[in-house]
Protein backbone atom coordinates (compact mmCIF):
# COMPACT_ATOMS: atom_id res chain seq x y z
CA UNK A 1 -114.75 198.15 106.59
CA UNK A 2 -117.67 195.82 106.13
CA UNK A 3 -120.22 196.15 103.39
CA UNK A 4 -123.30 193.98 103.49
CA UNK A 5 -126.24 193.76 101.17
CA UNK A 6 -128.97 191.33 100.23
CA UNK A 7 -128.22 188.67 97.65
CA UNK A 8 -129.96 190.45 94.79
CA UNK A 9 -127.04 191.54 92.62
CA UNK A 10 -124.92 189.83 90.00
CA UNK A 11 -121.89 187.94 91.27
CA UNK A 12 -119.66 188.88 88.34
CA UNK A 13 -116.67 190.39 90.11
CA UNK A 14 -113.40 191.51 88.63
CA UNK A 15 -110.52 193.89 89.09
CA UNK A 16 -109.87 195.40 92.50
CA UNK A 17 -113.09 194.01 93.94
CA UNK A 18 -112.18 190.42 93.12
CA UNK A 19 -108.56 190.90 94.19
CA UNK A 20 -109.03 192.75 97.48
CA UNK A 21 -112.39 191.71 98.92
CA UNK A 22 -113.55 188.71 100.90
CA UNK A 23 -116.99 187.35 100.05
CA UNK A 24 -119.32 185.15 102.02
CA UNK A 25 -122.94 184.15 102.02
CA UNK A 26 -124.90 184.02 105.21
CA UNK A 27 -128.47 183.02 105.85
CA UNK A 28 -130.73 184.48 108.48
CA UNK A 29 -133.96 182.81 109.49
CA UNK A 30 -135.98 186.04 109.56
CA UNK A 31 -134.74 188.30 106.79
CA UNK A 32 -137.20 191.10 107.57
CA UNK A 33 -136.06 191.40 111.18
CA UNK A 34 -132.43 191.26 110.07
CA UNK A 35 -133.01 194.10 107.59
CA UNK A 36 -134.82 196.11 110.27
CA UNK A 37 -131.87 195.63 112.63
CA UNK A 38 -129.30 196.72 110.03
CA UNK A 39 -131.11 199.77 108.61
CA UNK A 40 -133.44 202.28 110.22
CA UNK A 41 -136.05 201.85 107.52
CA UNK A 42 -138.77 204.02 109.14
CA UNK A 43 -136.28 206.89 109.50
CA UNK A 44 -135.15 206.55 105.87
CA UNK A 45 -138.78 206.48 104.71
CA UNK A 46 -139.71 209.53 106.80
CA UNK A 47 -136.79 211.49 105.36
CA UNK A 48 -137.76 210.42 101.83
CA UNK A 49 -141.31 211.65 102.45
CA UNK A 50 -139.92 214.97 103.72
CA UNK A 51 -137.75 215.28 100.62
CA UNK A 52 -140.75 214.69 98.35
CA UNK A 53 -142.26 217.81 99.94
CA UNK A 54 -138.96 219.70 99.61
CA UNK A 55 -138.93 218.94 95.88
CA UNK A 56 -142.53 220.12 95.53
CA UNK A 57 -141.78 223.38 97.34
CA UNK A 58 -138.42 224.26 95.72
CA UNK A 59 -139.25 227.37 93.70
CA UNK A 60 -136.00 229.30 93.35
CA UNK A 61 -132.84 228.05 91.68
CA UNK A 62 -131.08 228.11 95.06
CA UNK A 63 -133.84 226.02 96.65
CA UNK A 64 -133.65 223.62 93.71
CA UNK A 65 -129.90 223.27 94.16
CA UNK A 66 -130.28 222.55 97.87
CA UNK A 67 -133.12 220.09 97.23
CA UNK A 68 -131.04 218.29 94.61
CA UNK A 69 -128.10 217.92 97.00
CA UNK A 70 -130.33 216.63 99.81
CA UNK A 71 -132.11 214.09 97.62
CA UNK A 72 -128.90 212.74 96.08
CA UNK A 73 -127.29 212.35 99.53
CA UNK A 74 -130.38 210.54 100.77
CA UNK A 75 -130.69 208.24 97.76
CA UNK A 76 -127.09 207.16 98.29
CA UNK A 77 -128.21 205.78 101.67
CA UNK A 78 -131.04 203.69 100.21
CA UNK A 79 -130.24 200.06 101.10
CA UNK A 80 -131.94 198.86 97.86
CA UNK A 81 -133.51 195.93 99.62
CA UNK A 82 -135.71 193.45 97.76
CA UNK A 83 -139.39 194.40 97.88
CA UNK A 84 -140.23 191.61 100.31
CA UNK A 85 -137.90 193.17 102.91
CA UNK A 86 -139.25 196.70 102.58
CA UNK A 87 -142.02 198.10 104.75
CA UNK A 88 -145.37 198.69 103.05
CA UNK A 89 -145.51 202.03 101.26
CA UNK A 90 -141.72 202.28 100.87
CA UNK A 91 -141.07 205.68 99.20
CA UNK A 92 -137.76 204.83 97.49
CA UNK A 93 -139.10 204.43 93.95
CA UNK A 94 -141.43 207.39 94.37
CA UNK A 95 -138.53 209.61 95.45
CA UNK A 96 -136.35 208.45 92.55
CA UNK A 97 -139.15 209.06 90.03
CA UNK A 98 -140.01 212.47 91.48
CA UNK A 99 -136.34 213.46 91.53
CA UNK A 100 -135.91 212.40 87.88
CA UNK A 101 -138.81 214.68 86.89
CA UNK A 102 -137.55 217.47 89.14
CA UNK A 103 -134.02 217.25 87.74
CA UNK A 104 -135.25 217.54 84.14
CA UNK A 105 -137.32 220.62 84.96
CA UNK A 106 -134.60 222.15 87.15
CA UNK A 107 -131.92 221.60 84.49
CA UNK A 108 -134.08 223.39 81.92
CA UNK A 109 -134.71 226.31 84.30
CA UNK A 110 -130.98 226.51 85.04
CA UNK A 111 -130.09 226.48 81.33
CA UNK A 112 -132.53 229.34 80.66
CA UNK A 113 -131.06 231.33 83.55
CA UNK A 114 -127.49 230.80 82.37
CA UNK A 115 -128.31 231.58 78.74
CA UNK A 116 -129.99 234.78 79.87
């Protein structure tokens, strides 16, 4: 498989990664258009906005569980592009922050339920 990402991470590589992977650097004249061609950023943003609403509306423990699973799956698809390559109003940080707050509250509610 091929894994590509912007050049915004450390290059310290070791173990299996260093032994089994090929690395190259490529330059593209219009980074924003390249990013837009590699990732459907508007679709990702729209789903993140939907998930912000899902988190706000999750009242029961079951709804919280489902919301948690959806948000985690979606965050795993975030391309983590540098800010200059993201569309204006990118909801990635907002979703991560809202999920962090949600998870803390949900974990407490779950503990209370389990402890009876």
